Amino acid sequence: IYDMVRYEAGLNTNLILKKQESFQQMWTPVKLNDGSTYSYGFGWNLDKTVTGMQVVKHGGTWQGFESYIIRVINVKLTIIIFANLDEADVEEIASHVLQMYDPQLALDPNQDEEEDDDEEDDDDEEDDDEDEEDE
């Protein structure tokens, strides 16, 4: 736990990354070959709160242990969850803790829906292409 506290302190005090541009690059959505973007940047899932604040998230699993970190960049708030049960939904737990701390910092539920809609549109286009090939 202490390592994560030191890591977070390092991110907040520019000990890990010296330049603000590095953070901006790290937390910029990746651009896909088709020109669209995906809300993922350098190992971080990118999200927003219901009030539009920037959020970055990352999770991990190893041999039955799980962890999740949510950082609300604008207010320098970080939630870190550790679980020694591989069935624990640490992302859901972290999201609920964030919302309980301050409802205005709750994650925007529409963020995932917009991404899902984009993926469905891509799937529809692929289906259309397949239909044209069948004709």
Protein backbone atom coordinates (compact mmCIF):
# COMPACT_ATOMS: atom_id res chain seq x y z
CA ILE A 1 0.00 0.00 0.00
CA TYR A 2 2.82 2.37 0.87
CA ASP A 3 4.27 1.93 -2.64
CA MET A 4 0.99 3.11 -4.17
CA VAL A 5 0.92 6.14 -1.86
CA ARG A 6 4.46 7.01 -2.96
CA TYR A 7 3.54 6.44 -6.62
CA GLU A 8 0.52 8.74 -6.32
CA ALA A 9 2.58 11.39 -4.53
CA GLY A 10 5.16 11.13 -7.31
CA LEU A 11 2.51 11.70 -9.97
CA ASN A 12 1.09 14.70 -8.11
CA THR A 13 4.46 16.34 -7.51
CA ASN A 14 6.03 15.66 -10.93
CA LEU A 15 8.69 13.37 -9.46
CA ILE A 16 7.79 10.59 -11.91
CA LEU A 17 7.13 12.69 -14.99
CA LYS A 18 8.77 16.11 -15.13
CA LYS A 19 6.82 17.69 -17.98
CA GLN A 20 3.10 18.43 -18.05
CA GLU A 21 3.17 17.52 -21.76
CA SER A 22 4.03 13.94 -20.75
CA PHE A 23 0.83 13.70 -18.72
CA GLN A 24 -1.19 15.19 -21.56
CA GLN A 25 0.24 12.65 -23.98
CA MET A 26 -0.27 9.79 -21.53
CA TRP A 27 -3.91 10.71 -21.01
CA THR A 28 -4.88 11.48 -24.61
CA PRO A 29 -7.20 9.01 -26.36
CA VAL A 30 -5.44 6.74 -28.82
CA LYS A 31 -6.13 7.41 -32.48
CA LEU A 32 -7.10 4.29 -34.43
CA ASN A 33 -6.18 3.49 -38.02
CA ASP A 34 -9.65 4.48 -39.23
CA GLY A 35 -9.21 7.96 -37.71
CA SER A 36 -11.55 7.42 -34.77
CA THR A 37 -10.36 7.60 -31.18
CA TYR A 38 -10.62 5.17 -28.29
CA SER A 39 -10.61 6.30 -24.66
CA TYR A 40 -7.34 4.62 -23.74
CA GLY A 41 -3.94 6.20 -23.37
CA PHE A 42 -0.60 4.67 -22.33
CA GLY A 43 -2.12 2.07 -20.00
CA TRP A 44 -4.86 4.29 -18.60
CA ASN A 45 -8.57 4.08 -19.38
CA LEU A 46 -9.88 7.60 -19.89
CA ASP A 47 -13.22 8.71 -18.51
CA LYS A 48 -15.08 11.75 -17.19
CA THR A 49 -17.17 12.55 -14.14
CA VAL A 50 -20.81 13.58 -14.45
CA THR A 51 -19.57 17.18 -14.21
CA GLY A 52 -17.02 16.70 -17.01
CA MET A 53 -13.82 16.40 -14.97
CA GLN A 54 -11.04 14.26 -16.43
CA VAL A 55 -10.64 10.79 -14.89
CA VAL A 56 -7.99 8.16 -15.55
CA LYS A 57 -8.33 4.55 -14.43
CA HIS A 58 -6.22 1.41 -14.39
CA GLY A 59 -6.75 -2.08 -13.05
CA GLY A 60 -4.73 -5.22 -12.65
CA THR A 61 -5.04 -8.86 -11.65
CA TRP A 62 -2.40 -11.29 -10.49
CA GLN A 63 -2.87 -14.79 -9.03
CA GLY A 64 -6.17 -14.11 -7.32
CA PHE A 65 -5.41 -10.52 -6.31
CA GLU A 66 -7.00 -7.50 -7.95
CA SER A 67 -6.38 -3.78 -7.83
CA TYR A 68 -7.94 -0.68 -9.31
CA ILE A 69 -6.97 2.98 -9.29
CA ILE A 70 -9.17 5.93 -10.24
CA ARG A 71 -7.63 9.40 -10.42
CA VAL A 72 -9.77 12.54 -10.76
CA ILE A 73 -7.15 14.82 -12.26
CA ASN A 74 -8.76 18.23 -11.64
CA VAL A 75 -9.08 17.75 -7.87
CA LYS A 76 -6.03 15.48 -7.32
CA LEU A 77 -8.21 12.78 -5.78
CA THR A 78 -7.25 9.14 -6.07
CA ILE A 79 -9.14 6.02 -5.05
CA ILE A 80 -7.12 2.79 -4.86
CA ILE A 81 -8.78 -0.55 -4.19
CA PHE A 82 -6.98 -3.82 -3.42
CA ALA A 83 -8.75 -7.17 -3.09
CA ASN A 84 -7.43 -10.65 -2.40
CA LEU A 85 -10.43 -12.24 -4.08
CA ASP A 86 -10.28 -12.61 -7.84
CA GLU A 87 -14.06 -12.38 -8.09
CA ALA A 88 -14.18 -8.93 -6.49
CA ASP A 89 -15.34 -6.21 -8.85
CA VAL A 90 -12.70 -3.69 -7.81
CA GLU A 91 -13.66 -1.28 -10.60
CA GLU A 92 -17.25 -1.18 -9.35
CA ILE A 93 -16.09 -0.78 -5.74
CA ALA A 94 -13.77 2.09 -6.67
CA SER A 95 -16.53 3.79 -8.66
CA HIS A 96 -18.93 3.55 -5.72
CA VAL A 97 -16.34 4.89 -3.27
CA LEU A 98 -15.75 7.84 -5.59
CA GLN A 99 -19.48 8.55 -5.83
CA MET A 100 -19.94 8.25 -2.04
CA TYR A 101 -17.04 10.66 -1.46
CA ASP A 102 -18.64 13.28 -3.69
CA PRO A 103 -21.65 12.63 -5.96
CA GLN A 104 -20.38 15.31 -8.38
CA LEU A 105 -17.30 13.14 -8.94
CA ALA A 106 -19.34 10.11 -9.98
CA LEU A 107 -18.27 8.61 -13.28
CA ASP A 108 -20.38 9.61 -16.28
CA PRO A 109 -22.50 6.55 -17.13
CA ASN A 110 -22.91 7.83 -20.71
CA GLN A 111 -19.15 7.66 -21.35
CA ASP A 112 -19.23 3.87 -21.81
CA GLU A 113 -22.49 4.00 -23.77
CA GLU A 114 -20.99 6.44 -26.28
CA GLU A 115 -18.03 4.12 -26.75
CA ASP A 116 -20.33 1.10 -27.12
CA ASP A 117 -22.38 3.00 -29.72
CA ASP A 118 -19.20 3.71 -31.69
CA GLU A 119 -18.26 0.02 -31.58
CA GLU A 120 -21.77 -1.00 -32.69
CA ASP A 121 -21.58 1.46 -35.59
CA ASP A 122 -18.28 -0.12 -36.61
CA ASP A 123 -19.85 -3.59 -36.36
CA ASP A 124 -22.80 -2.44 -38.50
CA GLU A 125 -20.41 -1.15 -41.16
CA GLU A 126 -18.59 -4.50 -41.17
CA ASP A 127 -21.93 -6.33 -41.52
CA ASP A 128 -22.85 -4.06 -44.44
CA ASP A 129 -19.52 -4.84 -46.10
CA GLU A 130 -20.12 -8.57 -45.67
CA ASP A 131 -23.65 -8.25 -47.12
CA GLU A 132 -22.26 -6.49 -50.19
CA GLU A 133 -19.71 -9.27 -50.67
CA ASP A 134 -22.47 -11.92 -50.48
CA GLU A 135 -24.40 -10.25 -53.30
